[in-house]
Amino acid sequence: MSSKHKIFISYHHANDEADKIEFEELYCDVLDSCISKSVKDGDIDDKLSHEEIRKSIRDNYLKKSTVTVVFIGKDTWKRKHVDWEIYSSLYDGSINKRSGLIGVLLPSYPDLKDNEYYPYNIPPRLYDNIESGFAEIYSWDDFVLNSETYINDAFDRKNDYKYKTDLSRERFLKNRTGIRWYS
């Protein structure tokens, strides 16, 4: 990799912190290939309005990030903050430009076989952008082996405006429940 990428990691904090730490130790620390950014529990005051929280995520955590990696465990799709982080990553503003986007199916993702996933239990906004061709999704094992290539590819897609982002879905107002979402 010719330069470090500023990687924003979006994930379910309660369930998937260990995977995030493992990735940072391998990819960011050992390979010295990225600057990892993510929102940690308690970083943003929950008493702020939804719009203030989304603005804080965009302006303080995603600022100048180049690629967003969404770690997908069994409940990640339910999290409103994951939805907001993906939205903010894809928003192409005058100050903060859009980021590349990758989904990574963690070992805790239900019934993962042969890189197959069920569209209704990954974050819906990520799914929309996989469908549009802007984002890609990988299994954890494949991603760990090829992370440099996949991150570079996502970075290239973010700068190629033939790849359209899909921000049409309404943003989550609260965390979801159930076993899947419907489009």
C-alpha atoms as a PDB file:
ATOM      1  CA  MET A   1       0.000   0.000   0.000  1.00  0.00           C
ATOM      2  CA  SER A   2       1.495   3.290  -1.033  1.00  0.00           C
ATOM      3  CA  SER A   3      -0.050   5.287   1.803  1.00  0.00           C
ATOM      4  CA  LYS A   4      -2.009   4.668   4.949  1.00  0.00           C
ATOM      5  CA  HIS A   5      -5.755   4.820   4.715  1.00  0.00           C
ATOM      6  CA  LYS A   6      -7.881   6.348   7.441  1.00  0.00           C
ATOM      7  CA  ILE A   7     -10.199   3.457   8.174  1.00  0.00           C
ATOM      8  CA  PHE A   8     -13.433   4.078  10.042  1.00  0.00           C
ATOM      9  CA  ILE A   9     -14.746   0.875  11.623  1.00  0.00           C
ATOM     10  CA  SER A  10     -18.483   0.651  12.188  1.00  0.00           C
ATOM     11  CA  TYR A  11     -19.617  -2.221  14.384  1.00  0.00           C
ATOM     12  CA  HIS A  12     -21.890  -3.398  17.212  1.00  0.00           C
ATOM     13  CA  HIS A  13     -19.886  -2.321  20.253  1.00  0.00           C
ATOM     14  CA  ALA A  14     -21.359  -4.767  22.764  1.00  0.00           C
ATOM     15  CA  ASN A  15     -21.013  -7.826  20.517  1.00  0.00           C
ATOM     16  CA  ASP A  16     -18.057  -7.270  18.198  1.00  0.00           C
ATOM     17  CA  GLU A  17     -15.387  -5.285  20.050  1.00  0.00           C
ATOM     18  CA  ALA A  18     -12.972  -8.255  20.109  1.00  0.00           C
ATOM     19  CA  ASP A  19     -13.045  -8.547  16.295  1.00  0.00           C
ATOM     20  CA  LYS A  20     -12.393  -4.821  15.922  1.00  0.00           C
ATOM     21  CA  ILE A  21      -9.412  -5.040  18.278  1.00  0.00           C
ATOM     22  CA  GLU A  22      -8.051  -8.093  16.433  1.00  0.00           C
ATOM     23  CA  PHE A  23      -8.276  -6.279  13.092  1.00  0.00           C
ATOM     24  CA  GLU A  24      -6.583  -3.159  14.482  1.00  0.00           C
ATOM     25  CA  GLU A  25      -3.774  -5.210  16.026  1.00  0.00           C
ATOM     26  CA  LEU A  26      -3.129  -7.092  12.791  1.00  0.00           C
ATOM     27  CA  TYR A  27      -3.783  -4.566  10.088  1.00  0.00           C
ATOM     28  CA  CYS A  28      -3.129  -1.224  11.751  1.00  0.00           C
ATOM     29  CA  ASP A  29      -0.458  -2.078  14.298  1.00  0.00           C
ATOM     30  CA  VAL A  30       1.497  -5.005  12.822  1.00  0.00           C
ATOM     31  CA  LEU A  31       1.221  -4.074   9.148  1.00  0.00           C
ATOM     32  CA  ASP A  32       1.172  -0.321   9.911  1.00  0.00           C
ATOM     33  CA  SER A  33      -1.276   0.126   7.048  1.00  0.00           C
ATOM     34  CA  CYS A  34      -4.041   2.243   8.503  1.00  0.00           C
ATOM     35  CA  ILE A  35      -5.126   4.789  11.017  1.00  0.00           C
ATOM     36  CA  SER A  36      -8.167   3.298  12.724  1.00  0.00           C
ATOM     37  CA  LYS A  37     -11.034   5.513  13.760  1.00  0.00           C
ATOM     38  CA  SER A  38     -14.314   4.559  15.378  1.00  0.00           C
ATOM     39  CA  VAL A  39     -16.803   5.908  17.866  1.00  0.00           C
ATOM     40  CA  LYS A  40     -16.382   4.329  21.281  1.00  0.00           C
ATOM     41  CA  ASP A  41     -19.137   3.878  23.845  1.00  0.00           C
ATOM     42  CA  GLY A  42     -19.547   7.111  25.762  1.00  0.00           C
ATOM     43  CA  ASP A  43     -17.792   9.291  23.162  1.00  0.00           C
ATOM     44  CA  ILE A  44     -21.045  11.009  22.165  1.00  0.00           C
ATOM     45  CA  ASP A  45     -23.670  12.211  24.631  1.00  0.00           C
ATOM     46  CA  ASP A  46     -26.855  10.129  24.157  1.00  0.00           C
ATOM     47  CA  LYS A  47     -28.904  13.143  25.237  1.00  0.00           C
ATOM     48  CA  LEU A  48     -28.076  15.011  22.030  1.00  0.00           C
ATOM     49  CA  SER A  49     -30.681  15.062  19.264  1.00  0.00           C
ATOM     50  CA  HIS A  50     -30.396  12.474  16.487  1.00  0.00           C
ATOM     51  CA  GLU A  51     -29.228  15.176  14.081  1.00  0.00           C
ATOM     52  CA  GLU A  52     -26.549  16.419  16.515  1.00  0.00           C
ATOM     53  CA  ILE A  53     -25.279  12.852  16.997  1.00  0.00           C
ATOM     54  CA  ARG A  54     -25.135  12.253  13.233  1.00  0.00           C
ATOM     55  CA  LYS A  55     -23.315  15.566  12.753  1.00  0.00           C
ATOM     56  CA  SER A  56     -20.819  14.671  15.490  1.00  0.00           C
ATOM     57  CA  ILE A  57     -20.156  11.275  13.881  1.00  0.00           C
ATOM     58  CA  ARG A  58     -19.551  12.913  10.498  1.00  0.00           C
ATOM     59  CA  ASP A  59     -17.530  15.923  11.667  1.00  0.00           C
ATOM     60  CA  ASN A  60     -15.501  14.373  14.483  1.00  0.00           C
ATOM     61  CA  TYR A  61     -15.028  10.688  13.667  1.00  0.00           C
ATOM     62  CA  LEU A  62     -15.426  10.266   9.921  1.00  0.00           C
ATOM     63  CA  LYS A  63     -13.536  13.452   9.136  1.00  0.00           C
ATOM     64  CA  LYS A  64     -11.057  12.736   6.368  1.00  0.00           C
ATOM     65  CA  SER A  65     -11.641   8.977   6.579  1.00  0.00           C
ATOM     66  CA  THR A  66     -11.073   7.226   3.272  1.00  0.00           C
ATOM     67  CA  VAL A  67     -12.757   3.844   3.771  1.00  0.00           C
ATOM     68  CA  THR A  68     -15.468   2.651   6.142  1.00  0.00           C
ATOM     69  CA  VAL A  69     -15.381  -1.014   7.114  1.00  0.00           C
ATOM     70  CA  VAL A  70     -18.626  -2.364   8.593  1.00  0.00           C
ATOM     71  CA  PHE A  71     -18.076  -5.418  10.789  1.00  0.00           C
ATOM     72  CA  ILE A  72     -21.257  -7.495  10.591  1.00  0.00           C
ATOM     73  CA  GLY A  73     -22.150  -9.817  13.435  1.00  0.00           C
ATOM     74  CA  LYS A  74     -25.495 -11.316  14.273  1.00  0.00           C
ATOM     75  CA  ASP A  75     -27.136  -8.065  15.461  1.00  0.00           C
ATOM     76  CA  THR A  76     -25.212  -5.353  13.628  1.00  0.00           C
ATOM     77  CA  TRP A  77     -28.038  -4.609  11.193  1.00  0.00           C
ATOM     78  CA  LYS A  78     -30.255  -3.544  14.126  1.00  0.00           C
ATOM     79  CA  ARG A  79     -28.062  -0.671  15.327  1.00  0.00           C
ATOM     80  CA  LYS A  80     -29.151   2.881  14.512  1.00  0.00           C
ATOM     81  CA  HIS A  81     -25.616   4.204  14.976  1.00  0.00           C
ATOM     82  CA  VAL A  82     -24.273   1.727  12.407  1.00  0.00           C
ATOM     83  CA  ASP A  83     -26.905   3.004   9.971  1.00  0.00           C
ATOM     84  CA  TRP A  84     -25.949   6.618  10.736  1.00  0.00           C
ATOM     85  CA  GLU A  85     -22.233   5.848  10.335  1.00  0.00           C
ATOM     86  CA  ILE A  86     -22.817   4.240   6.939  1.00  0.00           C
ATOM     87  CA  TYR A  87     -25.004   7.156   5.839  1.00  0.00           C
ATOM     88  CA  SER A  88     -22.429   9.690   6.996  1.00  0.00           C
ATOM     89  CA  SER A  89     -19.631   7.745   5.278  1.00  0.00           C
ATOM     90  CA  LEU A  90     -21.480   7.862   1.976  1.00  0.00           C
ATOM     91  CA  TYR A  91     -22.585  11.487   2.199  1.00  0.00           C
ATOM     92  CA  ASP A  92     -20.508  13.525  -0.235  1.00  0.00           C
ATOM     93  CA  GLY A  93     -20.358  16.914   1.465  1.00  0.00           C
ATOM     94  CA  SER A  94     -18.380  20.000   0.614  1.00  0.00           C
ATOM     95  CA  ILE A  95     -15.989  19.480   3.547  1.00  0.00           C
ATOM     96  CA  ASN A  96     -16.008  15.729   4.103  1.00  0.00           C
ATOM     97  CA  LYS A  97     -16.140  13.669   0.921  1.00  0.00           C
ATOM     98  CA  ARG A  98     -17.658  10.200   0.666  1.00  0.00           C
ATOM     99  CA  SER A  99     -15.657   7.208   1.846  1.00  0.00           C
ATOM    100  CA  GLY A 100     -15.223   3.794   0.289  1.00  0.00           C
ATOM    101  CA  LEU A 101     -17.423   1.110   1.862  1.00  0.00           C
ATOM    102  CA  ILE A 102     -16.809  -2.545   2.715  1.00  0.00           C
ATOM    103  CA  GLY A 103     -18.879  -5.038   4.708  1.00  0.00           C
ATOM    104  CA  VAL A 104     -17.140  -7.858   6.585  1.00  0.00           C
ATOM    105  CA  LEU A 105     -19.123 -10.871   7.802  1.00  0.00           C
ATOM    106  CA  LEU A 106     -17.705 -11.746  11.215  1.00  0.00           C
ATOM    107  CA  PRO A 107     -17.444 -15.291  12.583  1.00  0.00           C
ATOM    108  CA  SER A 108     -20.499 -14.452  14.746  1.00  0.00           C
ATOM    109  CA  TYR A 109     -22.624 -13.798  11.642  1.00  0.00           C
ATOM    110  CA  PRO A 110     -25.377 -16.460  11.640  1.00  0.00           C
ATOM    111  CA  ASP A 111     -24.966 -19.506   9.416  1.00  0.00           C
ATOM    112  CA  LEU A 112     -22.101 -18.133   7.307  1.00  0.00           C
ATOM    113  CA  LYS A 113     -21.185 -20.588   4.564  1.00  0.00           C
ATOM    114  CA  ASP A 114     -19.110 -19.943   1.440  1.00  0.00           C
ATOM    115  CA  ASN A 115     -19.298 -16.129   1.728  1.00  0.00           C
ATOM    116  CA  GLU A 116     -23.084 -16.268   1.421  1.00  0.00           C
ATOM    117  CA  TYR A 117     -25.215 -13.918   3.423  1.00  0.00           C
ATOM    118  CA  TYR A 118     -28.893 -13.259   3.829  1.00  0.00           C
ATOM    119  CA  PRO A 119     -29.624  -9.696   2.644  1.00  0.00           C
ATOM    120  CA  TYR A 120     -32.168  -9.008   5.381  1.00  0.00           C
ATOM    121  CA  ASN A 121     -29.763  -9.444   8.296  1.00  0.00           C
ATOM    122  CA  ILE A 122     -26.980  -7.129   7.175  1.00  0.00           C
ATOM    123  CA  PRO A 123     -27.322  -3.347   7.581  1.00  0.00           C
ATOM    124  CA  PRO A 124     -29.949  -2.256   5.024  1.00  0.00           C
ATOM    125  CA  ARG A 125     -27.995   0.804   3.833  1.00  0.00           C
ATOM    126  CA  LEU A 126     -24.932  -1.393   3.250  1.00  0.00           C
ATOM    127  CA  TYR A 127     -27.090  -3.822   1.272  1.00  0.00           C
ATOM    128  CA  ASP A 128     -28.424  -0.952  -0.894  1.00  0.00           C
ATOM    129  CA  ASN A 129     -24.867   0.048  -1.763  1.00  0.00           C
ATOM    130  CA  ILE A 130     -23.747  -3.505  -2.484  1.00  0.00           C
ATOM    131  CA  GLU A 131     -26.675  -3.689  -4.900  1.00  0.00           C
ATOM    132  CA  SER A 132     -25.675  -0.369  -6.519  1.00  0.00           C
ATOM    133  CA  GLY A 133     -22.098  -1.644  -7.033  1.00  0.00           C
ATOM    134  CA  PHE A 134     -20.495   0.914  -4.727  1.00  0.00           C
ATOM    135  CA  ALA A 135     -19.778  -1.470  -1.820  1.00  0.00           C
ATOM    136  CA  GLU A 136     -18.494  -5.019  -1.507  1.00  0.00           C
ATOM    137  CA  ILE A 137     -18.942  -7.638   1.199  1.00  0.00           C
ATOM    138  CA  TYR A 138     -16.456 -10.307   2.333  1.00  0.00           C
ATOM    139  CA  SER A 139     -16.143 -13.032   4.929  1.00  0.00           C
ATOM    140  CA  TRP A 140     -13.829 -12.350   7.878  1.00  0.00           C
ATOM    141  CA  ASP A 141     -11.280 -14.977   6.793  1.00  0.00           C
ATOM    142  CA  ASP A 142     -11.149 -13.673   3.227  1.00  0.00           C
ATOM    143  CA  PHE A 143     -10.931 -10.066   4.406  1.00  0.00           C
ATOM    144  CA  VAL A 144      -8.080 -10.749   6.840  1.00  0.00           C
ATOM    145  CA  LEU A 145      -6.089 -12.432   4.050  1.00  0.00           C
ATOM    146  CA  ASN A 146      -6.793  -9.734   1.448  1.00  0.00           C
ATOM    147  CA  SER A 147      -7.589  -6.605   3.467  1.00  0.00           C
ATOM    148  CA  GLU A 148      -5.016  -4.401   1.765  1.00  0.00           C
ATOM    149  CA  THR A 149      -6.401  -5.204  -1.694  1.00  0.00           C
ATOM    150  CA  TYR A 150     -10.030  -4.818  -0.639  1.00  0.00           C
ATOM    151  CA  ILE A 151      -9.407  -1.517   1.138  1.00  0.00           C
ATOM    152  CA  ASN A 152      -7.515  -0.156  -1.867  1.00  0.00           C
ATOM    153  CA  ASP A 153     -10.370  -1.265  -4.155  1.00  0.00           C
ATOM    154  CA  ALA A 154     -12.928   0.505  -1.935  1.00  0.00           C
ATOM    155  CA  PHE A 155     -10.755   3.617  -1.946  1.00  0.00           C
ATOM    156  CA  ASP A 156     -10.632   3.521  -5.758  1.00  0.00           C
ATOM    157  CA  ARG A 157     -14.448   3.142  -5.998  1.00  0.00           C
ATOM    158  CA  LYS A 158     -15.000   6.167  -3.741  1.00  0.00           C
ATOM    159  CA  ASN A 159     -13.067   8.339  -6.179  1.00  0.00           C
ATOM    160  CA  ASP A 160     -14.750   6.934  -9.284  1.00  0.00           C
ATOM    161  CA  TYR A 161     -18.098   8.657  -9.648  1.00  0.00           C
ATOM    162  CA  LYS A 162     -19.423   6.055 -12.063  1.00  0.00           C
ATOM    163  CA  TYR A 163     -20.149   4.172  -8.806  1.00  0.00           C
ATOM    164  CA  LYS A 164     -23.276   5.710  -7.337  1.00  0.00           C
ATOM    165  CA  THR A 165     -24.096   5.674  -3.649  1.00  0.00           C
ATOM    166  CA  ASP A 166     -27.635   4.965  -2.505  1.00  0.00           C
ATOM    167  CA  LEU A 167     -28.784   7.175   0.373  1.00  0.00           C
ATOM    168  CA  SER A 168     -32.497   6.888  -0.433  1.00  0.00           C
ATOM    169  CA  ARG A 169     -33.472   4.759   2.568  1.00  0.00           C
ATOM    170  CA  GLU A 170     -34.887   6.553   5.615  1.00  0.00           C
ATOM    171  CA  ARG A 171     -32.363   6.703   8.442  1.00  0.00           C
ATOM    172  CA  PHE A 172     -33.064   4.617  11.534  1.00  0.00           C
ATOM    173  CA  LEU A 173     -34.630   6.626  14.344  1.00  0.00           C
ATOM    174  CA  LYS A 174     -34.095   3.856  16.885  1.00  0.00           C
ATOM    175  CA  ASN A 175     -32.465   0.452  17.159  1.00  0.00           C
ATOM    176  CA  ARG A 176     -34.378  -2.353  15.463  1.00  0.00           C
ATOM    177  CA  THR A 177     -35.585  -5.663  16.847  1.00  0.00           C
ATOM    178  CA  GLY A 178     -36.480  -8.975  15.283  1.00  0.00           C
ATOM    179  CA  ILE A 179     -34.538 -11.406  13.141  1.00  0.00           C
ATOM    180  CA  ARG A 180     -34.433  -9.405   9.875  1.00  0.00           C
ATOM    181  CA  TRP A 181     -35.439  -6.198   8.155  1.00  0.00           C
ATOM    182  CA  TYR A 182     -37.548  -5.920   5.033  1.00  0.00           C
ATOM    183  CA  SER A 183     -36.963  -3.536   2.157  1.00  0.00           C
END
